[in-house]
Amino acid sequence: MINLKDVIDLHIHSAPDIRVRSHNDLELAEQATKVGAKAIVIKSHHTPTMDRAWIVNQVYPKTNVFGSITLNHTVGGFNPYAVNYALELGAKIVWLPTIHAKNHLQKEGKSGGLEPVQDNKIVSDLIEIFKLIAEKKAVLATGHISPKEIFYVVDEATKHGVEKIVVTHPEFHIVGMTITDQKKLKDNYNVYFERTYAQPIGSGIYQSNLPINLEAIEEIGYHSTVVSTDGGQIENPKWNEALSNYIKFLFDNGISTEAIDTMTKHTPAKLLGLDI
């Protein structure tokens, strides 16, 4: 297995969850500690995880376990009060809507959902959230909103002082951000692109993202790339195996050790405010 010492993964799902996961918080932290990971961030589509992370850190103090909040309906959507509470308790990432984003629901043939942009303007509560993120120097992640919405969000968040913006798995078909649009965004703003291990394609089947991630890294560059697993699904390898496979694939396809360390250690550390 590839050496995972000092790696950082900004996007992992774990139990408790309403969906069955391949590990719970403690089992995930045990994996991370055994491989010598520097830090992990646990994510839920439904509940904030920073309080869970605090408890896990009492049991596994050698790995920095951080929490996050996702702005789906279960926390009130674009709810500045929930965001402020999460950040005060140590959440490091604020994710825009994922499974409750209008874009996500439309792609699944459903109606409704949360929209960060209405009448070509960012909704007012989201502006307040940008200010909170900027104040705490936290990370804004774009979730499952559309490419068009991402441009609006990045522009407005930057105007309000948000310095750490991560485009969530642009390769995921629900997001579907082209290489051309990614280049355009990168040329105009200081953003990062999170490239994850696999994506669901229906009926419980997952498809590897590694070939398209490799292409994106080669086309856009590694300095703007963050390698994450988005792991925790029972259909995929357990977290440490998935990350090891990911790194090995990149190395076997000509990505340098320097580039891999940047994407898996140095850039994520910068986003979390850690030394490495």
C-alpha atoms as a PDB file:
ATOM      1  CA  MET A   1       0.000   0.000   0.000  1.00  0.00           C
ATOM      2  CA  ILE A   2       1.155   3.546  -0.754  1.00  0.00           C
ATOM      3  CA  ASN A   3       2.622   5.520   2.157  1.00  0.00           C
ATOM      4  CA  LEU A   4      -0.138   7.830   3.397  1.00  0.00           C
ATOM      5  CA  LYS A   5       1.837   9.580   6.127  1.00  0.00           C
ATOM      6  CA  ASP A   6       0.814  13.232   6.499  1.00  0.00           C
ATOM      7  CA  VAL A   7      -1.959  13.056   3.887  1.00  0.00           C
ATOM      8  CA  ILE A   8      -5.051  15.191   4.339  1.00  0.00           C
ATOM      9  CA  ASP A   9      -8.506  14.339   2.990  1.00  0.00           C
ATOM     10  CA  LEU A  10     -11.068  17.154   3.022  1.00  0.00           C
ATOM     11  CA  HIS A  11     -14.119  15.088   2.096  1.00  0.00           C
ATOM     12  CA  ILE A  12     -15.127  11.813   3.779  1.00  0.00           C
ATOM     13  CA  HIS A  13     -18.570  10.517   4.756  1.00  0.00           C
ATOM     14  CA  SER A  14     -19.052   8.422   7.875  1.00  0.00           C
ATOM     15  CA  ALA A  15     -21.696   7.103  10.231  1.00  0.00           C
ATOM     16  CA  PRO A  16     -23.898   8.073  11.989  1.00  0.00           C
ATOM     17  CA  ASP A  17     -25.872   8.760   8.829  1.00  0.00           C
ATOM     18  CA  ILE A  18     -29.253   7.849   7.414  1.00  0.00           C
ATOM     19  CA  ARG A  19     -27.370   5.985   4.697  1.00  0.00           C
ATOM     20  CA  VAL A  20     -25.259   2.939   5.513  1.00  0.00           C
ATOM     21  CA  ARG A  21     -21.583   3.847   5.550  1.00  0.00           C
ATOM     22  CA  SER A  22     -18.499   1.656   5.368  1.00  0.00           C
ATOM     23  CA  HIS A  23     -17.138   3.104   8.621  1.00  0.00           C
ATOM     24  CA  ASN A  24     -18.281   5.209  11.534  1.00  0.00           C
ATOM     25  CA  ASP A  25     -16.420   8.275  12.805  1.00  0.00           C
ATOM     26  CA  LEU A  26     -14.244   6.291  15.190  1.00  0.00           C
ATOM     27  CA  GLU A  27     -13.400   3.582  12.654  1.00  0.00           C
ATOM     28  CA  LEU A  28     -12.440   6.245  10.129  1.00  0.00           C
ATOM     29  CA  ALA A  29     -10.205   8.013  12.641  1.00  0.00           C
ATOM     30  CA  GLU A  30      -8.595   4.679  13.494  1.00  0.00           C
ATOM     31  CA  GLN A  31      -7.766   4.124   9.806  1.00  0.00           C
ATOM     32  CA  ALA A  32      -6.365   7.641   9.528  1.00  0.00           C
ATOM     33  CA  THR A  33      -4.249   7.261  12.658  1.00  0.00           C
ATOM     34  CA  LYS A  34      -2.825   3.909  11.545  1.00  0.00           C
ATOM     35  CA  VAL A  35      -1.603   5.325   8.230  1.00  0.00           C
ATOM     36  CA  GLY A  36      -0.281   8.515   9.841  1.00  0.00           C
ATOM     37  CA  ALA A  37      -2.677  10.932   8.163  1.00  0.00           C
ATOM     38  CA  LYS A  38      -2.262  14.568   9.128  1.00  0.00           C
ATOM     39  CA  ALA A  39      -5.969  15.430   9.025  1.00  0.00           C
ATOM     40  CA  ILE A  40      -9.397  14.428   7.770  1.00  0.00           C
ATOM     41  CA  VAL A  41     -12.680  16.287   7.413  1.00  0.00           C
ATOM     42  CA  ILE A  42     -15.933  14.422   7.973  1.00  0.00           C
ATOM     43  CA  LYS A  43     -18.973  15.465   5.980  1.00  0.00           C
ATOM     44  CA  SER A  44     -22.692  14.827   6.181  1.00  0.00           C
ATOM     45  CA  HIS A  45     -25.382  15.912   3.741  1.00  0.00           C
ATOM     46  CA  HIS A  46     -27.775  16.293   6.663  1.00  0.00           C
ATOM     47  CA  THR A  47     -26.119  17.360   9.911  1.00  0.00           C
ATOM     48  CA  PRO A  48     -23.129  19.436  11.044  1.00  0.00           C
ATOM     49  CA  THR A  49     -20.173  17.261  12.044  1.00  0.00           C
ATOM     50  CA  MET A  50     -17.883  19.565  14.033  1.00  0.00           C
ATOM     51  CA  ASP A  51     -19.212  18.345  17.399  1.00  0.00           C
ATOM     52  CA  ARG A  52     -18.690  14.734  16.317  1.00  0.00           C
ATOM     53  CA  ALA A  53     -15.151  15.637  15.233  1.00  0.00           C
ATOM     54  CA  TRP A  54     -14.419  17.125  18.652  1.00  0.00           C
ATOM     55  CA  ILE A  55     -15.411  13.897  20.374  1.00  0.00           C
ATOM     56  CA  VAL A  56     -13.378  11.756  17.951  1.00  0.00           C
ATOM     57  CA  ASN A  57     -10.302  13.905  18.621  1.00  0.00           C
ATOM     58  CA  GLN A  58     -10.506  12.985  22.296  1.00  0.00           C
ATOM     59  CA  VAL A  59     -10.112   9.333  21.339  1.00  0.00           C
ATOM     60  CA  TYR A  60      -7.674   9.696  18.410  1.00  0.00           C
ATOM     61  CA  PRO A  61      -5.631  12.840  19.117  1.00  0.00           C
ATOM     62  CA  LYS A  62      -2.792  12.012  16.697  1.00  0.00           C
ATOM     63  CA  THR A  63      -4.928  12.796  13.649  1.00  0.00           C
ATOM     64  CA  ASN A  64      -6.649  16.158  13.299  1.00  0.00           C
ATOM     65  CA  VAL A  65     -10.325  15.379  12.728  1.00  0.00           C
ATOM     66  CA  PHE A  66     -12.367  18.362  11.579  1.00  0.00           C
ATOM     67  CA  GLY A  67     -16.059  18.863  10.991  1.00  0.00           C
ATOM     68  CA  SER A  68     -18.120  20.795   8.477  1.00  0.00           C
ATOM     69  CA  ILE A  69     -21.623  21.961   7.694  1.00  0.00           C
ATOM     70  CA  THR A  70     -23.633  21.425   4.512  1.00  0.00           C
ATOM     71  CA  LEU A  71     -26.349  23.963   3.732  1.00  0.00           C
ATOM     72  CA  ASN A  72     -29.162  21.590   2.843  1.00  0.00           C
ATOM     73  CA  HIS A  73     -32.759  21.817   4.076  1.00  0.00           C
ATOM     74  CA  THR A  74     -31.936  19.970   7.302  1.00  0.00           C
ATOM     75  CA  VAL A  75     -29.980  22.965   8.637  1.00  0.00           C
ATOM     76  CA  GLY A  76     -32.357  25.537   7.180  1.00  0.00           C
ATOM     77  CA  GLY A  77     -30.610  26.007   3.850  1.00  0.00           C
ATOM     78  CA  PHE A  78     -28.804  29.346   3.653  1.00  0.00           C
ATOM     79  CA  ASN A  79     -28.932  29.799   7.391  1.00  0.00           C
ATOM     80  CA  PRO A  80     -26.346  32.270   8.794  1.00  0.00           C
ATOM     81  CA  TYR A  81     -27.215  31.266  12.368  1.00  0.00           C
ATOM     82  CA  ALA A  82     -26.360  27.622  11.714  1.00  0.00           C
ATOM     83  CA  VAL A  83     -23.153  28.594   9.925  1.00  0.00           C
ATOM     84  CA  ASN A  84     -22.065  30.912  12.723  1.00  0.00           C
ATOM     85  CA  TYR A  85     -22.683  28.178  15.307  1.00  0.00           C
ATOM     86  CA  ALA A  86     -20.763  25.617  13.250  1.00  0.00           C
ATOM     87  CA  LEU A  87     -17.780  27.895  12.715  1.00  0.00           C
ATOM     88  CA  GLU A  88     -17.684  28.888  16.385  1.00  0.00           C
ATOM     89  CA  LEU A  89     -17.474  25.184  17.261  1.00  0.00           C
ATOM     90  CA  GLY A  90     -14.596  24.644  14.843  1.00  0.00           C
ATOM     91  CA  ALA A  91     -16.134  23.632  11.504  1.00  0.00           C
ATOM     92  CA  LYS A  92     -13.555  24.124   8.761  1.00  0.00           C
ATOM     93  CA  ILE A  93     -15.695  23.800   5.621  1.00  0.00           C
ATOM     94  CA  VAL A  94     -19.066  25.264   4.697  1.00  0.00           C
ATOM     95  CA  TRP A  95     -20.568  23.323   1.806  1.00  0.00           C
ATOM     96  CA  LEU A  96     -23.232  24.908  -0.345  1.00  0.00           C
ATOM     97  CA  PRO A  97     -26.311  22.707  -0.967  1.00  0.00           C
ATOM     98  CA  THR A  98     -25.621  19.211  -2.237  1.00  0.00           C
ATOM     99  CA  ILE A  99     -28.541  16.785  -2.493  1.00  0.00           C
ATOM    100  CA  HIS A 100     -31.006  19.643  -1.874  1.00  0.00           C
ATOM    101  CA  ALA A 101     -29.548  21.985  -4.493  1.00  0.00           C
ATOM    102  CA  LYS A 102     -31.994  22.856  -7.248  1.00  0.00           C
ATOM    103  CA  ASN A 103     -29.356  21.805  -9.782  1.00  0.00           C
ATOM    104  CA  HIS A 104     -29.001  18.377  -8.152  1.00  0.00           C
ATOM    105  CA  LEU A 105     -32.752  17.772  -8.035  1.00  0.00           C
ATOM    106  CA  GLN A 106     -33.232  18.931 -11.626  1.00  0.00           C
ATOM    107  CA  LYS A 107     -30.530  16.532 -12.820  1.00  0.00           C
ATOM    108  CA  GLU A 108     -32.506  13.751 -11.114  1.00  0.00           C
ATOM    109  CA  GLY A 109     -35.740  14.860 -12.780  1.00  0.00           C
ATOM    110  CA  LYS A 110     -37.176  16.424  -9.629  1.00  0.00           C
ATOM    111  CA  SER A 111     -38.440  19.894  -8.789  1.00  0.00           C
ATOM    112  CA  GLY A 112     -37.716  22.337  -5.990  1.00  0.00           C
ATOM    113  CA  GLY A 113     -34.425  22.790  -4.256  1.00  0.00           C
ATOM    114  CA  LEU A 114     -32.175  25.537  -2.980  1.00  0.00           C
ATOM    115  CA  GLU A 115     -30.806  28.210  -5.315  1.00  0.00           C
ATOM    116  CA  PRO A 116     -27.811  30.377  -4.377  1.00  0.00           C
ATOM    117  CA  VAL A 117     -28.588  32.695  -7.288  1.00  0.00           C
ATOM    118  CA  GLN A 118     -32.001  34.257  -7.919  1.00  0.00           C
ATOM    119  CA  ASP A 119     -32.711  36.930 -10.545  1.00  0.00           C
ATOM    120  CA  ASN A 120     -28.978  36.933 -11.359  1.00  0.00           C
ATOM    121  CA  LYS A 121     -28.086  37.881  -7.766  1.00  0.00           C
ATOM    122  CA  ILE A 122     -26.706  35.952  -4.807  1.00  0.00           C
ATOM    123  CA  VAL A 123     -29.409  35.485  -2.180  1.00  0.00           C
ATOM    124  CA  SER A 124     -28.972  37.894   0.748  1.00  0.00           C
ATOM    125  CA  ASP A 125     -28.527  35.277   3.486  1.00  0.00           C
ATOM    126  CA  LEU A 126     -25.682  33.721   1.515  1.00  0.00           C
ATOM    127  CA  ILE A 127     -23.869  37.054   1.473  1.00  0.00           C
ATOM    128  CA  GLU A 128     -24.037  37.052   5.276  1.00  0.00           C
ATOM    129  CA  ILE A 129     -22.636  33.534   5.228  1.00  0.00           C
ATOM    130  CA  PHE A 130     -19.735  34.634   3.000  1.00  0.00           C
ATOM    131  CA  LYS A 131     -18.867  37.289   5.556  1.00  0.00           C
ATOM    132  CA  LEU A 132     -18.837  34.710   8.363  1.00  0.00           C
ATOM    133  CA  ILE A 133     -16.625  32.358   6.342  1.00  0.00           C
ATOM    134  CA  ALA A 134     -14.211  35.197   5.552  1.00  0.00           C
ATOM    135  CA  GLU A 135     -14.042  36.247   9.212  1.00  0.00           C
ATOM    136  CA  LYS A 136     -13.177  32.723  10.370  1.00  0.00           C
ATOM    137  CA  LYS A 137     -10.864  32.039   7.384  1.00  0.00           C
ATOM    138  CA  ALA A 138     -12.854  28.885   6.711  1.00  0.00           C
ATOM    139  CA  VAL A 139     -13.284  27.062   3.407  1.00  0.00           C
ATOM    140  CA  LEU A 140     -16.254  27.631   1.107  1.00  0.00           C
ATOM    141  CA  ALA A 141     -17.054  24.525  -0.947  1.00  0.00           C
ATOM    142  CA  THR A 142     -19.508  24.812  -3.837  1.00  0.00           C
ATOM    143  CA  GLY A 143     -21.454  21.570  -3.300  1.00  0.00           C
ATOM    144  CA  HIS A 144     -23.745  20.393  -6.084  1.00  0.00           C
ATOM    145  CA  ILE A 145     -24.733  23.714  -7.619  1.00  0.00           C
ATOM    146  CA  SER A 146     -24.454  24.302 -11.375  1.00  0.00           C
ATOM    147  CA  PRO A 147     -21.394  25.686 -13.198  1.00  0.00           C
ATOM    148  CA  LYS A 148     -23.258  28.917 -13.927  1.00  0.00           C
ATOM    149  CA  GLU A 149     -24.078  29.312 -10.234  1.00  0.00           C
ATOM    150  CA  ILE A 150     -20.469  28.536  -9.315  1.00  0.00           C
ATOM    151  CA  PHE A 151     -19.251  31.558 -11.296  1.00  0.00           C
ATOM    152  CA  TYR A 152     -21.712  33.827  -9.470  1.00  0.00           C
ATOM    153  CA  VAL A 153     -20.813  32.350  -6.079  1.00  0.00           C
ATOM    154  CA  VAL A 154     -17.058  32.581  -6.557  1.00  0.00           C
ATOM    155  CA  ASP A 155     -17.284  36.170  -7.753  1.00  0.00           C
ATOM    156  CA  GLU A 156     -19.475  37.328  -4.866  1.00  0.00           C
ATOM    157  CA  ALA A 157     -17.641  35.336  -2.198  1.00  0.00           C
ATOM    158  CA  THR A 158     -14.336  36.812  -3.339  1.00  0.00           C
ATOM    159  CA  LYS A 159     -15.783  40.323  -3.109  1.00  0.00           C
ATOM    160  CA  HIS A 160     -16.695  39.631   0.519  1.00  0.00           C
ATOM    161  CA  GLY A 161     -13.238  38.446   1.493  1.00  0.00           C
ATOM    162  CA  VAL A 162     -13.508  34.658   1.218  1.00  0.00           C
ATOM    163  CA  GLU A 163      -9.976  33.488   0.436  1.00  0.00           C
ATOM    164  CA  LYS A 164     -10.412  29.705   0.422  1.00  0.00           C
ATOM    165  CA  ILE A 165     -12.839  28.481  -2.234  1.00  0.00           C
ATOM    166  CA  VAL A 166     -13.004  24.874  -3.386  1.00  0.00           C
ATOM    167  CA  VAL A 167     -15.084  23.748  -6.360  1.00  0.00           C
ATOM    168  CA  THR A 168     -16.581  20.459  -5.223  1.00  0.00           C
ATOM    169  CA  HIS A 169     -15.889  17.513  -7.574  1.00  0.00           C
ATOM    170  CA  PRO A 170     -16.416  19.365 -10.889  1.00  0.00           C
ATOM    171  CA  GLU A 171     -16.140  16.008 -12.669  1.00  0.00           C
ATOM    172  CA  PHE A 172     -19.298  14.687 -10.965  1.00  0.00           C
ATOM    173  CA  HIS A 173     -22.025  14.527 -13.606  1.00  0.00           C
ATOM    174  CA  ILE A 174     -24.446  16.393 -11.339  1.00  0.00           C
ATOM    175  CA  VAL A 175     -22.050  19.358 -11.298  1.00  0.00           C
ATOM    176  CA  GLY A 176     -20.654  18.770 -14.777  1.00  0.00           C
ATOM    177  CA  MET A 177     -18.169  21.609 -15.019  1.00  0.00           C
ATOM    178  CA  THR A 178     -16.156  21.394 -18.230  1.00  0.00           C
ATOM    179  CA  ILE A 179     -12.379  21.728 -18.416  1.00  0.00           C
ATOM    180  CA  THR A 180     -12.934  24.929 -20.408  1.00  0.00           C
ATOM    181  CA  ASP A 181     -15.040  26.459 -17.630  1.00  0.00           C
ATOM    182  CA  GLN A 182     -12.567  25.305 -14.991  1.00  0.00           C
ATOM    183  CA  LYS A 183      -9.747  27.032 -16.867  1.00  0.00           C
ATOM    184  CA  LYS A 184     -11.832  30.191 -17.184  1.00  0.00           C
ATOM    185  CA  LEU A 185     -12.616  30.178 -13.460  1.00  0.00           C
ATOM    186  CA  LYS A 186      -8.985  29.556 -12.510  1.00  0.00           C
ATOM    187  CA  ASP A 187      -7.753  32.311 -14.826  1.00  0.00           C
ATOM    188  CA  ASN A 188      -9.981  34.867 -13.122  1.00  0.00           C
ATOM    189  CA  TYR A 189     -10.143  33.752  -9.486  1.00  0.00           C
ATOM    190  CA  ASN A 190      -8.020  32.070  -6.834  1.00  0.00           C
ATOM    191  CA  VAL A 191      -9.936  28.800  -6.555  1.00  0.00           C
ATOM    192  CA  TYR A 192      -9.152  25.131  -6.047  1.00  0.00           C
ATOM    193  CA  PHE A 193     -10.751  22.092  -7.663  1.00  0.00           C
ATOM    194  CA  GLU A 194     -11.478  19.054  -5.521  1.00  0.00           C
ATOM    195  CA  ARG A 195     -11.131  15.863  -7.573  1.00  0.00           C
ATOM    196  CA  THR A 196     -12.650  12.791  -5.973  1.00  0.00           C
ATOM    197  CA  TYR A 197     -12.203   9.037  -6.271  1.00  0.00           C
ATOM    198  CA  ALA A 198     -15.493   7.881  -7.809  1.00  0.00           C
ATOM    199  CA  GLN A 199     -19.060   8.941  -8.588  1.00  0.00           C
ATOM    200  CA  PRO A 200     -22.448   7.195  -8.608  1.00  0.00           C
ATOM    201  CA  ILE A 201     -23.908   6.474 -12.023  1.00  0.00           C
ATOM    202  CA  GLY A 202     -27.126   4.769 -10.922  1.00  0.00           C
ATOM    203  CA  SER A 203     -28.428   1.528  -9.381  1.00  0.00           C
ATOM    204  CA  GLY A 204     -25.770   1.564  -6.680  1.00  0.00           C
ATOM    205  CA  ILE A 205     -22.953   1.464  -9.227  1.00  0.00           C
ATOM    206  CA  TYR A 206     -19.925   3.744  -8.951  1.00  0.00           C
ATOM    207  CA  GLN A 207     -17.589   4.813 -11.746  1.00  0.00           C
ATOM    208  CA  SER A 208     -13.933   5.712 -11.226  1.00  0.00           C
ATOM    209  CA  ASN A 209     -13.106   9.387 -11.686  1.00  0.00           C
ATOM    210  CA  LEU A 210      -9.368   8.747 -11.884  1.00  0.00           C
ATOM    211  CA  PRO A 211      -8.892   8.940 -15.693  1.00  0.00           C
ATOM    212  CA  ILE A 212     -10.836  12.200 -16.018  1.00  0.00           C
ATOM    213  CA  ASN A 213      -9.097  13.595 -12.935  1.00  0.00           C
ATOM    214  CA  LEU A 214      -5.725  12.810 -14.498  1.00  0.00           C
ATOM    215  CA  GLU A 215      -6.746  14.663 -17.647  1.00  0.00           C
ATOM    216  CA  ALA A 216      -7.884  17.675 -15.619  1.00  0.00           C
ATOM    217  CA  ILE A 217      -4.648  17.767 -13.614  1.00  0.00           C
ATOM    218  CA  GLU A 218      -2.611  17.630 -16.815  1.00  0.00           C
ATOM    219  CA  GLU A 219      -4.748  20.302 -18.498  1.00  0.00           C
ATOM    220  CA  ILE A 220      -5.171  22.744 -15.611  1.00  0.00           C
ATOM    221  CA  GLY A 221      -2.240  21.968 -13.334  1.00  0.00           C
ATOM    222  CA  TYR A 222      -1.716  20.463  -9.922  1.00  0.00           C
ATOM    223  CA  HIS A 223      -1.329  23.666  -7.922  1.00  0.00           C
ATOM    224  CA  SER A 224      -5.079  24.286  -8.111  1.00  0.00           C
ATOM    225  CA  THR A 225      -6.023  20.660  -7.427  1.00  0.00           C
ATOM    226  CA  VAL A 226      -7.037  19.025  -4.154  1.00  0.00           C
ATOM    227  CA  VAL A 227      -7.161  15.229  -4.056  1.00  0.00           C
ATOM    228  CA  SER A 228     -10.044  13.919  -1.918  1.00  0.00           C
ATOM    229  CA  THR A 229     -11.835  10.589  -1.793  1.00  0.00           C
ATOM    230  CA  ASP A 230     -15.441  11.563  -1.010  1.00  0.00           C
ATOM    231  CA  GLY A 231     -15.274   8.105   0.530  1.00  0.00           C
ATOM    232  CA  GLY A 232     -17.471   6.141   2.898  1.00  0.00           C
ATOM    233  CA  GLN A 233     -19.801   4.362   0.475  1.00  0.00           C
ATOM    234  CA  ILE A 234     -20.139   0.612   0.980  1.00  0.00           C
ATOM    235  CA  GLU A 235     -19.827   0.175  -2.796  1.00  0.00           C
ATOM    236  CA  ASN A 236     -16.296   1.611  -2.845  1.00  0.00           C
ATOM    237  CA  PRO A 237     -13.031   0.487  -1.201  1.00  0.00           C
ATOM    238  CA  LYS A 238     -12.527   1.532   2.395  1.00  0.00           C
ATOM    239  CA  TRP A 239     -11.053   4.979   2.816  1.00  0.00           C
ATOM    240  CA  ASN A 240      -7.339   4.192   3.163  1.00  0.00           C
ATOM    241  CA  GLU A 241      -7.458   1.761   0.215  1.00  0.00           C
ATOM    242  CA  ALA A 242      -9.269   4.253  -2.013  1.00  0.00           C
ATOM    243  CA  LEU A 243      -6.773   7.016  -1.286  1.00  0.00           C
ATOM    244  CA  SER A 244      -3.847   4.661  -1.747  1.00  0.00           C
ATOM    245  CA  ASN A 245      -5.235   3.480  -5.096  1.00  0.00           C
ATOM    246  CA  TYR A 246      -5.799   7.083  -6.167  1.00  0.00           C
ATOM    247  CA  ILE A 247      -2.230   8.158  -5.393  1.00  0.00           C
ATOM    248  CA  LYS A 248      -0.755   5.057  -7.033  1.00  0.00           C
ATOM    249  CA  PHE A 249      -2.791   5.724 -10.194  1.00  0.00           C
ATOM    250  CA  LEU A 250      -1.453   9.265 -10.404  1.00  0.00           C
ATOM    251  CA  PHE A 251       2.139   8.154  -9.840  1.00  0.00           C
ATOM    252  CA  ASP A 252       1.868   5.308 -12.358  1.00  0.00           C
ATOM    253  CA  ASN A 253       0.592   7.810 -14.935  1.00  0.00           C
ATOM    254  CA  GLY A 254       3.490  10.204 -14.659  1.00  0.00           C
ATOM    255  CA  ILE A 255       2.391  12.636 -11.948  1.00  0.00           C
ATOM    256  CA  SER A 256       5.452  13.598  -9.901  1.00  0.00           C
ATOM    257  CA  THR A 257       5.883  13.021  -6.197  1.00  0.00           C
ATOM    258  CA  GLU A 258       6.110  16.798  -5.752  1.00  0.00           C
ATOM    259  CA  ALA A 259       2.753  17.271  -7.474  1.00  0.00           C
ATOM    260  CA  ILE A 260       1.108  14.465  -5.496  1.00  0.00           C
ATOM    261  CA  ASP A 261       2.404  15.880  -2.205  1.00  0.00           C
ATOM    262  CA  THR A 262       1.055  19.301  -3.163  1.00  0.00           C
ATOM    263  CA  MET A 263      -2.415  17.918  -3.931  1.00  0.00           C
ATOM    264  CA  THR A 264      -2.658  15.555  -0.949  1.00  0.00           C
ATOM    265  CA  LYS A 265      -0.699  17.391   1.750  1.00  0.00           C
ATOM    266  CA  HIS A 266       0.435  20.974   1.201  1.00  0.00           C
ATOM    267  CA  THR A 267      -2.634  22.528  -0.415  1.00  0.00           C
ATOM    268  CA  PRO A 268      -5.146  20.841   1.939  1.00  0.00           C
ATOM    269  CA  ALA A 269      -2.979  21.889   4.892  1.00  0.00           C
ATOM    270  CA  LYS A 270      -3.064  25.488   3.662  1.00  0.00           C
ATOM    271  CA  LEU A 271      -6.855  25.342   3.359  1.00  0.00           C
ATOM    272  CA  LEU A 272      -7.201  24.008   6.918  1.00  0.00           C
ATOM    273  CA  GLY A 273      -4.654  26.400   8.360  1.00  0.00           C
ATOM    274  CA  LEU A 274      -2.232  23.619   9.332  1.00  0.00           C
ATOM    275  CA  ASP A 275       1.548  23.448   9.204  1.00  0.00           C
ATOM    276  CA  ILE A 276       3.116  20.564   7.287  1.00  0.00           C
END
